[in-house]
C-alpha atoms as a PDB file:
ATOM      1  CA  MET A   1      -0.164   0.115  -0.247  1.00  0.00           C
ATOM      2  CA  ARG A   2       1.273   3.413  -0.999  1.00  0.00           C
ATOM      3  CA  LYS A   3       1.915   5.695   1.921  1.00  0.00           C
ATOM      4  CA  ALA A   4      -0.567   8.407   0.704  1.00  0.00           C
ATOM      5  CA  ASP A   5      -3.200   5.526   0.623  1.00  0.00           C
ATOM      6  CA  ARG A   6      -2.251   4.432   4.094  1.00  0.00           C
ATOM      7  CA  LEU A   7      -2.456   7.828   5.698  1.00  0.00           C
ATOM      8  CA  ASN A   8      -6.085   8.284   4.149  1.00  0.00           C
ATOM      9  CA  ASP A   9      -6.994   4.859   5.552  1.00  0.00           C
ATOM     10  CA  ILE A  10      -5.658   5.637   8.893  1.00  0.00           C
ATOM     11  CA  VAL A  11      -7.920   8.869   9.166  1.00  0.00           C
ATOM     12  CA  HIS A  12     -10.888   6.925   8.121  1.00  0.00           C
ATOM     13  CA  TYR A  13     -10.053   4.131  10.751  1.00  0.00           C
ATOM     14  CA  LEU A  14      -9.739   6.555  13.564  1.00  0.00           C
ATOM     15  CA  ARG A  15     -13.013   8.340  12.456  1.00  0.00           C
ATOM     16  CA  ARG A  16     -14.890   4.955  12.807  1.00  0.00           C
ATOM     17  CA  MET A  17     -13.397   4.336  16.460  1.00  0.00           C
ATOM     18  CA  HIS A  18     -14.907   5.484  19.781  1.00  0.00           C
ATOM     19  CA  ARG A  19     -11.807   4.822  21.739  1.00  0.00           C
ATOM     20  CA  ALA A  20      -8.267   5.572  21.410  1.00  0.00           C
ATOM     21  CA  VAL A  21      -6.358   3.221  19.098  1.00  0.00           C
ATOM     22  CA  THR A  22      -2.669   2.338  19.954  1.00  0.00           C
ATOM     23  CA  ALA A  23       0.044   2.350  17.284  1.00  0.00           C
ATOM     24  CA  ASP A  24       0.230  -1.473  17.817  1.00  0.00           C
ATOM     25  CA  VAL A  25      -3.133  -2.012  16.524  1.00  0.00           C
ATOM     26  CA  LEU A  26      -2.582   0.379  13.615  1.00  0.00           C
ATOM     27  CA  ALA A  27       0.684  -1.455  12.858  1.00  0.00           C
ATOM     28  CA  GLN A  28      -0.995  -4.863  12.792  1.00  0.00           C
ATOM     29  CA  THR A  29      -3.773  -3.575  10.684  1.00  0.00           C
ATOM     30  CA  TYR A  30      -1.699  -2.079   7.968  1.00  0.00           C
ATOM     31  CA  GLU A  31       1.146  -4.511   8.171  1.00  0.00           C
ATOM     32  CA  VAL A  32       3.907  -1.956   8.973  1.00  0.00           C
ATOM     33  CA  SER A  33       6.119  -1.425  11.998  1.00  0.00           C
ATOM     34  CA  GLU A  34       5.077   0.649  14.911  1.00  0.00           C
ATOM     35  CA  ARG A  35       7.796   3.246  14.082  1.00  0.00           C
ATOM     36  CA  THR A  36       6.159   3.610  10.632  1.00  0.00           C
ATOM     37  CA  ILE A  37       2.925   4.381  12.465  1.00  0.00           C
ATOM     38  CA  TYR A  38       4.482   7.046  14.673  1.00  0.00           C
ATOM     39  CA  ARG A  39       5.777   8.733  11.506  1.00  0.00           C
ATOM     40  CA  ASP A  40       2.397   8.552   9.928  1.00  0.00           C
ATOM     41  CA  ILE A  41       0.616   9.929  12.773  1.00  0.00           C
ATOM     42  CA  GLN A  42       3.204  12.830  12.873  1.00  0.00           C
ATOM     43  CA  ASP A  43       2.936  13.571   9.302  1.00  0.00           C
ATOM     44  CA  LEU A  44      -0.755  13.782   9.682  1.00  0.00           C
ATOM     45  CA  LYS A  45      -0.625  16.029  12.426  1.00  0.00           C
ATOM     46  CA  ASP A  46       1.817  18.341  10.560  1.00  0.00           C
ATOM     47  CA  SER A  47      -0.852  18.379   7.607  1.00  0.00           C
ATOM     48  CA  GLY A  48      -3.587  19.746  10.007  1.00  0.00           C
ATOM     49  CA  VAL A  49      -5.388  16.398  10.791  1.00  0.00           C
ATOM     50  CA  PRO A  50      -6.667  17.009  14.454  1.00  0.00           C
ATOM     51  CA  ILE A  51      -5.288  13.643  16.043  1.00  0.00           C
ATOM     52  CA  VAL A  52      -4.635  13.558  19.712  1.00  0.00           C
ATOM     53  CA  GLY A  53      -2.783  11.038  21.887  1.00  0.00           C
ATOM     54  CA  GLU A  54       0.721   9.739  22.160  1.00  0.00           C
ATOM     55  CA  ALA A  55       2.617   6.728  21.659  1.00  0.00           C
ATOM     56  CA  GLY A  56       1.724   3.862  24.233  1.00  0.00           C
ATOM     57  CA  VAL A  57      -1.514   5.543  25.029  1.00  0.00           C
ATOM     58  CA  GLY A  58      -3.324   5.630  21.574  1.00  0.00           C
ATOM     59  CA  TYR A  59      -4.771   8.187  19.238  1.00  0.00           C
ATOM     60  CA  LEU A  60      -8.007   9.912  18.642  1.00  0.00           C
ATOM     61  CA  ILE A  61      -9.358  11.960  15.957  1.00  0.00           C
ATOM     62  CA  ASP A  62     -11.723  15.103  16.044  1.00  0.00           C
ATOM     63  CA  LYS A  63     -15.001  13.570  14.666  1.00  0.00           C
ATOM     64  CA  THR A  64     -15.850  17.050  13.379  1.00  0.00           C
ATOM     65  CA  TYR A  65     -12.903  16.972  11.016  1.00  0.00           C
ATOM     66  CA  HIS A  66     -14.008  17.163   7.385  1.00  0.00           C
ATOM     67  CA  LEU A  67     -12.344  14.594   5.116  1.00  0.00           C
ATOM     68  CA  PRO A  68     -11.355  15.761   1.523  1.00  0.00           C
ATOM     69  CA  PRO A  69     -13.335  13.888  -1.242  1.00  0.00           C
ATOM     70  CA  ILE A  70     -13.056  10.294  -1.206  1.00  0.00           C
ATOM     71  CA  MET A  71     -11.057   8.618  -4.135  1.00  0.00           C
ATOM     72  CA  PHE A  72     -11.789   5.061  -5.225  1.00  0.00           C
ATOM     73  CA  ASP A  73      -9.732   2.863  -7.736  1.00  0.00           C
ATOM     74  CA  ALA A  74     -11.136   0.630 -10.309  1.00  0.00           C
ATOM     75  CA  ASP A  75     -11.407  -2.319  -7.941  1.00  0.00           C
ATOM     76  CA  GLU A  76     -13.140  -0.536  -5.112  1.00  0.00           C
ATOM     77  CA  ILE A  77     -15.667   0.836  -7.656  1.00  0.00           C
ATOM     78  CA  GLU A  78     -16.393  -2.527  -9.194  1.00  0.00           C
ATOM     79  CA  ALA A  79     -16.869  -3.945  -5.564  1.00  0.00           C
ATOM     80  CA  ILE A  80     -19.157  -1.279  -4.521  1.00  0.00           C
ATOM     81  CA  ALA A  81     -21.232  -1.692  -7.693  1.00  0.00           C
ATOM     82  CA  LEU A  82     -21.549  -5.594  -7.214  1.00  0.00           C
ATOM     83  CA  GLY A  83     -22.556  -5.063  -3.521  1.00  0.00           C
ATOM     84  CA  ILE A  84     -25.227  -2.733  -4.400  1.00  0.00           C
ATOM     85  CA  GLY A  85     -26.545  -5.212  -7.060  1.00  0.00           C
ATOM     86  CA  MET A  86     -26.644  -7.640  -4.439  1.00  0.00           C
ATOM     87  CA  VAL A  87     -28.360  -5.476  -2.107  1.00  0.00           C
ATOM     88  CA  SER A  88     -31.100  -4.763  -4.827  1.00  0.00           C
ATOM     89  CA  ASN A  89     -31.750  -8.256  -5.721  1.00  0.00           C
ATOM     90  CA  TRP A  90     -31.593  -9.965  -2.241  1.00  0.00           C
ATOM     91  CA  THR A  91     -33.412  -7.552  -0.096  1.00  0.00           C
ATOM     92  CA  ASP A  92     -36.545  -5.479  -0.422  1.00  0.00           C
ATOM     93  CA  GLU A  93     -37.776  -2.573  -2.708  1.00  0.00           C
ATOM     94  CA  LYS A  94     -37.318   0.065  -0.083  1.00  0.00           C
ATOM     95  CA  PHE A  95     -33.715  -0.976   0.898  1.00  0.00           C
ATOM     96  CA  ALA A  96     -32.868  -1.365  -2.878  1.00  0.00           C
ATOM     97  CA  GLU A  97     -33.753   2.136  -3.549  1.00  0.00           C
ATOM     98  CA  LYS A  98     -31.642   3.341  -0.776  1.00  0.00           C
ATOM     99  CA  ALA A  99     -28.805   1.323  -2.309  1.00  0.00           C
ATOM    100  CA  GLN A 100     -29.161   3.087  -5.713  1.00  0.00           C
ATOM    101  CA  SER A 101     -29.425   6.434  -3.999  1.00  0.00           C
ATOM    102  CA  ALA A 102     -26.205   5.772  -2.476  1.00  0.00           C
ATOM    103  CA  TYR A 103     -24.624   4.699  -5.631  1.00  0.00           C
ATOM    104  CA  ARG A 104     -25.737   7.809  -7.455  1.00  0.00           C
ATOM    105  CA  LYS A 105     -24.152   9.784  -4.628  1.00  0.00           C
ATOM    106  CA  ILE A 106     -21.016   7.895  -5.163  1.00  0.00           C
ATOM    107  CA  GLN A 107     -21.028   8.407  -8.915  1.00  0.00           C
ATOM    108  CA  ALA A 108     -21.466  12.050  -8.481  1.00  0.00           C
ATOM    109  CA  THR A 109     -17.981  12.227  -6.684  1.00  0.00           C
ATOM    110  CA  LEU A 110     -16.041  10.223  -9.445  1.00  0.00           C
ATOM    111  CA  SER A 111     -13.617  11.776 -11.795  1.00  0.00           C
ATOM    112  CA  ALA A 112     -14.035  11.351 -15.444  1.00  0.00           C
ATOM    113  CA  PRO A 113     -11.691   8.351 -15.721  1.00  0.00           C
ATOM    114  CA  MET A 114     -13.301   6.761 -12.942  1.00  0.00           C
ATOM    115  CA  ILE A 115     -16.760   7.106 -14.754  1.00  0.00           C
ATOM    116  CA  GLN A 116     -15.191   5.554 -17.664  1.00  0.00           C
ATOM    117  CA  GLU A 117     -14.126   2.560 -15.427  1.00  0.00           C
ATOM    118  CA  LEU A 118     -17.695   2.323 -14.083  1.00  0.00           C
ATOM    119  CA  GLU A 119     -18.999   2.066 -17.746  1.00  0.00           C
ATOM    120  CA  GLN A 120     -16.746  -1.097 -18.196  1.00  0.00           C
ATOM    121  CA  ILE A 121     -17.768  -3.085 -14.892  1.00  0.00           C
ATOM    122  CA  SER A 122     -17.847  -6.686 -15.660  1.00  0.00           C
ATOM    123  CA  LEU A 123     -19.249  -8.076 -12.482  1.00  0.00           C
ATOM    124  CA  PHE A 124     -23.022  -8.283 -11.983  1.00  0.00           C
ATOM    125  CA  SER A 125     -25.511  -9.669  -9.525  1.00  0.00           C
ATOM    126  CA  ALA A 126     -28.498 -10.899 -11.388  1.00  0.00           C
ATOM    127  CA  PRO A 127     -32.253 -11.636 -10.009  1.00  0.00           C
ATOM    128  CA  SER A 128     -32.392 -15.274  -8.961  1.00  0.00           C
ATOM    129  CA  ARG A 129     -35.269 -17.635  -9.078  1.00  0.00           C
ATOM    130  CA  TYR A 130     -33.944 -19.389  -6.022  1.00  0.00           C
ATOM    131  CA  LYS A 131     -34.760 -16.375  -3.860  1.00  0.00           C
ATOM    132  CA  ILE A 132     -36.942 -17.657  -1.087  1.00  0.00           C
ATOM    133  CA  PRO A 133     -39.850 -15.218  -0.409  1.00  0.00           C
ATOM    134  CA  TRP A 134     -40.789 -14.094   3.219  1.00  0.00           C
ATOM    135  CA  GLN A 135     -43.831 -12.692   4.822  1.00  0.00           C
ATOM    136  CA  VAL A 136     -42.230 -10.096   7.076  1.00  0.00           C
ATOM    137  CA  ASN A 137     -41.337  -6.485   6.377  1.00  0.00           C
ATOM    138  CA  PHE A 138     -37.550  -6.617   5.634  1.00  0.00           C
ATOM    139  CA  THR A 139     -37.405  -2.809   6.208  1.00  0.00           C
ATOM    140  CA  GLU A 140     -39.326  -3.033   9.450  1.00  0.00           C
ATOM    141  CA  VAL A 141     -37.062  -5.842  10.711  1.00  0.00           C
ATOM    142  CA  ARG A 142     -33.884  -3.575   9.983  1.00  0.00           C
ATOM    143  CA  GLU A 143     -35.574  -0.531  11.828  1.00  0.00           C
ATOM    144  CA  CYS A 144     -36.453  -2.722  14.978  1.00  0.00           C
ATOM    145  CA  ILE A 145     -32.687  -3.815  14.969  1.00  0.00           C
ATOM    146  CA  ARG A 146     -31.630  -0.303  14.765  1.00  0.00           C
ATOM    147  CA  ARG A 147     -34.132   1.079  17.366  1.00  0.00           C
ATOM    148  CA  LYS A 148     -33.462  -2.071  19.780  1.00  0.00           C
ATOM    149  CA  GLN A 149     -36.985  -2.913  20.003  1.00  0.00           C
ATOM    150  CA  PHE A 150     -38.288  -6.119  21.525  1.00  0.00           C
ATOM    151  CA  VAL A 151     -40.396  -8.088  18.782  1.00  0.00           C
ATOM    152  CA  ASP A 152     -42.918 -10.917  19.271  1.00  0.00           C
ATOM    153  CA  ILE A 153     -42.952 -13.352  16.452  1.00  0.00           C
ATOM    154  CA  ALA A 154     -44.630 -16.630  15.357  1.00  0.00           C
ATOM    155  CA  TYR A 155     -42.006 -19.112  14.029  1.00  0.00           C
ATOM    156  CA  LEU A 156     -42.186 -22.433  12.312  1.00  0.00           C
ATOM    157  CA  ASP A 157     -39.073 -24.454  13.136  1.00  0.00           C
ATOM    158  CA  LEU A 158     -37.597 -27.120  11.056  1.00  0.00           C
ATOM    159  CA  ASN A 159     -39.731 -29.679  13.043  1.00  0.00           C
ATOM    160  CA  GLU A 160     -42.595 -27.864  11.714  1.00  0.00           C
ATOM    161  CA  GLN A 161     -43.528 -26.799  15.345  1.00  0.00           C
ATOM    162  CA  LEU A 162     -45.176 -23.308  15.506  1.00  0.00           C
ATOM    163  CA  THR A 163     -43.959 -21.389  18.660  1.00  0.00           C
ATOM    164  CA  GLU A 164     -44.441 -17.837  19.653  1.00  0.00           C
ATOM    165  CA  ARG A 165     -41.250 -15.944  20.815  1.00  0.00           C
ATOM    166  CA  THR A 166     -40.080 -12.515  22.247  1.00  0.00           C
ATOM    167  CA  ILE A 167     -36.792 -11.598  20.796  1.00  0.00           C
ATOM    168  CA  ARG A 168     -34.180  -8.976  20.808  1.00  0.00           C
ATOM    169  CA  PRO A 169     -33.313  -8.682  17.077  1.00  0.00           C
ATOM    170  CA  LEU A 170     -29.517  -8.097  16.784  1.00  0.00           C
ATOM    171  CA  ALA A 171     -28.854  -8.575  13.060  1.00  0.00           C
ATOM    172  CA  LEU A 172     -29.941  -9.772   9.603  1.00  0.00           C
ATOM    173  CA  ILE A 173     -27.428 -12.305   8.022  1.00  0.00           C
ATOM    174  CA  SER A 174     -27.588 -13.482   4.480  1.00  0.00           C
ATOM    175  CA  PHE A 175     -26.711 -17.257   3.691  1.00  0.00           C
ATOM    176  CA  SER A 176     -28.080 -16.951   0.085  1.00  0.00           C
ATOM    177  CA  PRO A 177     -30.734 -17.633  -0.844  1.00  0.00           C
ATOM    178  CA  ILE A 178     -31.831 -17.642   2.903  1.00  0.00           C
ATOM    179  CA  TRP A 179     -31.956 -14.770   5.487  1.00  0.00           C
ATOM    180  CA  LEU A 180     -31.482 -15.285   9.101  1.00  0.00           C
ATOM    181  CA  LEU A 181     -32.644 -12.852  11.857  1.00  0.00           C
ATOM    182  CA  ALA A 182     -30.120 -13.305  14.778  1.00  0.00           C
ATOM    183  CA  GLY A 183     -31.404 -12.418  18.101  1.00  0.00           C
ATOM    184  CA  TRP A 184     -31.696 -12.987  21.662  1.00  0.00           C
ATOM    185  CA  CYS A 185     -34.738 -15.440  22.455  1.00  0.00           C
ATOM    186  CA  GLU A 186     -36.521 -14.686  25.750  1.00  0.00           C
ATOM    187  CA  LEU A 187     -38.122 -17.934  25.625  1.00  0.00           C
ATOM    188  CA  ARG A 188     -35.056 -20.044  25.247  1.00  0.00           C
ATOM    189  CA  GLY A 189     -32.732 -17.624  27.295  1.00  0.00           C
ATOM    190  CA  ALA A 190     -30.171 -17.945  24.504  1.00  0.00           C
ATOM    191  CA  PHE A 191     -29.042 -16.753  20.925  1.00  0.00           C
ATOM    192  CA  ARG A 192     -31.008 -18.124  18.262  1.00  0.00           C
ATOM    193  CA  ASN A 193     -31.278 -17.739  14.358  1.00  0.00           C
ATOM    194  CA  PHE A 194     -34.582 -17.543  12.679  1.00  0.00           C
ATOM    195  CA  ARG A 195     -35.092 -17.799   9.049  1.00  0.00           C
ATOM    196  CA  LEU A 196     -37.108 -14.874   7.662  1.00  0.00           C
ATOM    197  CA  ASP A 197     -39.341 -17.218   5.609  1.00  0.00           C
ATOM    198  CA  ARG A 198     -40.324 -19.142   8.596  1.00  0.00           C
ATOM    199  CA  ILE A 199     -41.535 -16.156  10.523  1.00  0.00           C
ATOM    200  CA  SER A 200     -45.333 -15.996   9.988  1.00  0.00           C
ATOM    201  CA  SER A 201     -46.034 -12.853  12.058  1.00  0.00           C
ATOM    202  CA  PHE A 202     -43.744 -10.163  13.442  1.00  0.00           C
ATOM    203  CA  THR A 203     -45.037  -7.723  15.809  1.00  0.00           C
ATOM    204  CA  PRO A 204     -42.766  -4.749  17.213  1.00  0.00           C
ATOM    205  CA  ARG A 205     -43.421  -4.019  20.843  1.00  0.00           C
ATOM    206  CA  ASN A 206     -43.615  -0.499  22.104  1.00  0.00           C
ATOM    207  CA  GLU A 207     -40.538  -1.413  24.389  1.00  0.00           C
ATOM    208  CA  ARG A 208     -36.810  -1.161  23.863  1.00  0.00           C
ATOM    209  CA  PHE A 209     -34.220  -3.201  25.314  1.00  0.00           C
ATOM    210  CA  ARG A 210     -31.057  -1.912  26.869  1.00  0.00           C
ATOM    211  CA  HIS A 211     -27.624  -3.057  26.087  1.00  0.00           C
ATOM    212  CA  GLU A 212     -26.632  -6.154  28.061  1.00  0.00           C
ATOM    213  CA  LYS A 213     -23.170  -7.358  27.330  1.00  0.00           C
ATOM    214  CA  ASP A 214     -24.122 -11.116  27.460  1.00  0.00           C
ATOM    215  CA  LYS A 215     -27.166 -10.513  25.215  1.00  0.00           C
ATOM    216  CA  SER A 216     -25.497  -8.159  22.635  1.00  0.00           C
ATOM    217  CA  LEU A 217     -24.501  -8.531  19.123  1.00  0.00           C
ATOM    218  CA  ALA A 218     -20.754  -8.758  20.023  1.00  0.00           C
ATOM    219  CA  THR A 219     -21.125 -11.686  22.169  1.00  0.00           C
ATOM    220  CA  TYR A 220     -23.275 -13.312  19.636  1.00  0.00           C
ATOM    221  CA  LEU A 221     -20.551 -12.937  17.122  1.00  0.00           C
ATOM    222  CA  GLU A 222     -17.896 -14.206  19.502  1.00  0.00           C
ATOM    223  CA  MET A 223     -19.961 -17.306  20.003  1.00  0.00           C
ATOM    224  CA  VAL A 224     -20.185 -17.797  16.198  1.00  0.00           C
ATOM    225  CA  LYS A 225     -16.399 -17.489  16.232  1.00  0.00           C
ATOM    226  CA  GLU A 226     -15.837 -19.983  18.826  1.00  0.00           C
ATOM    227  CA  GLU A 227     -18.307 -22.592  17.158  1.00  0.00           C
ATOM    228  CA  GLU A 228     -16.499 -22.244  13.816  1.00  0.00           C
ATOM    229  CA  LYS A 229     -13.096 -22.726  15.683  1.00  0.00           C
ATOM    230  CA  GLU A 230     -14.477 -25.820  17.435  1.00  0.00           C
ATOM    231  CA  SER A 231     -15.889 -27.014  14.061  1.00  0.00           C
ATOM    232  CA  GLN A 232     -12.559 -26.683  12.169  1.00  0.00           C
ATOM    233  CA  SER A 233     -10.656 -28.365  14.892  1.00  0.00           C
ATOM    234  CA  SER A 234     -12.926 -31.317  14.859  1.00  0.00           C
ATOM    235  CA  GLN A 235     -12.325 -31.999  11.194  1.00  0.00           C
END
């Protein structure tokens, strides 16, 4: 990676973080030495980027700092176009419209050479007859996740048993052609995955759940990682 690209990436990385990031973490992320990171941080400070912190403690950036226009290379543009195509084909109409709106905004920032690259894209996502339909409102599910809103569902499990659950919706996960709703199930007292196409009713409650570490998305993802490790070690 060119130094200019790395400096730009470091700024984006720090803007995403809510806590101080150490030079060691940055060095591992960009596969360079800590000494290189120290020089990079100093170069950014010298150029006027509002980074605070010091070696051994960590670095933070003023979130009000306005970045210069984002520059993409050809591969990045192609990846974005493919991702937006997949969103358009595998979610719902409302979310697809948002994806296309985002793409138009990205296009508006591109230089003439990049517009030409865009016209030569050769990766596409096509509509599939294997898409499994669902009854729930995909956008409503996303909004409940964002609002941390309890939801009552009626769910038909793989044994064809219909149960009613109250869940904390945490994430939507695509295992094409299936969408899973990951959440904390109050009935089972554990994390569960629910296929969207097997949810026959989805009723948001007028009640939000507070963050609890043992019932959070971060803990769910850690559990998934551990299960993957165990599965790989047993093979």
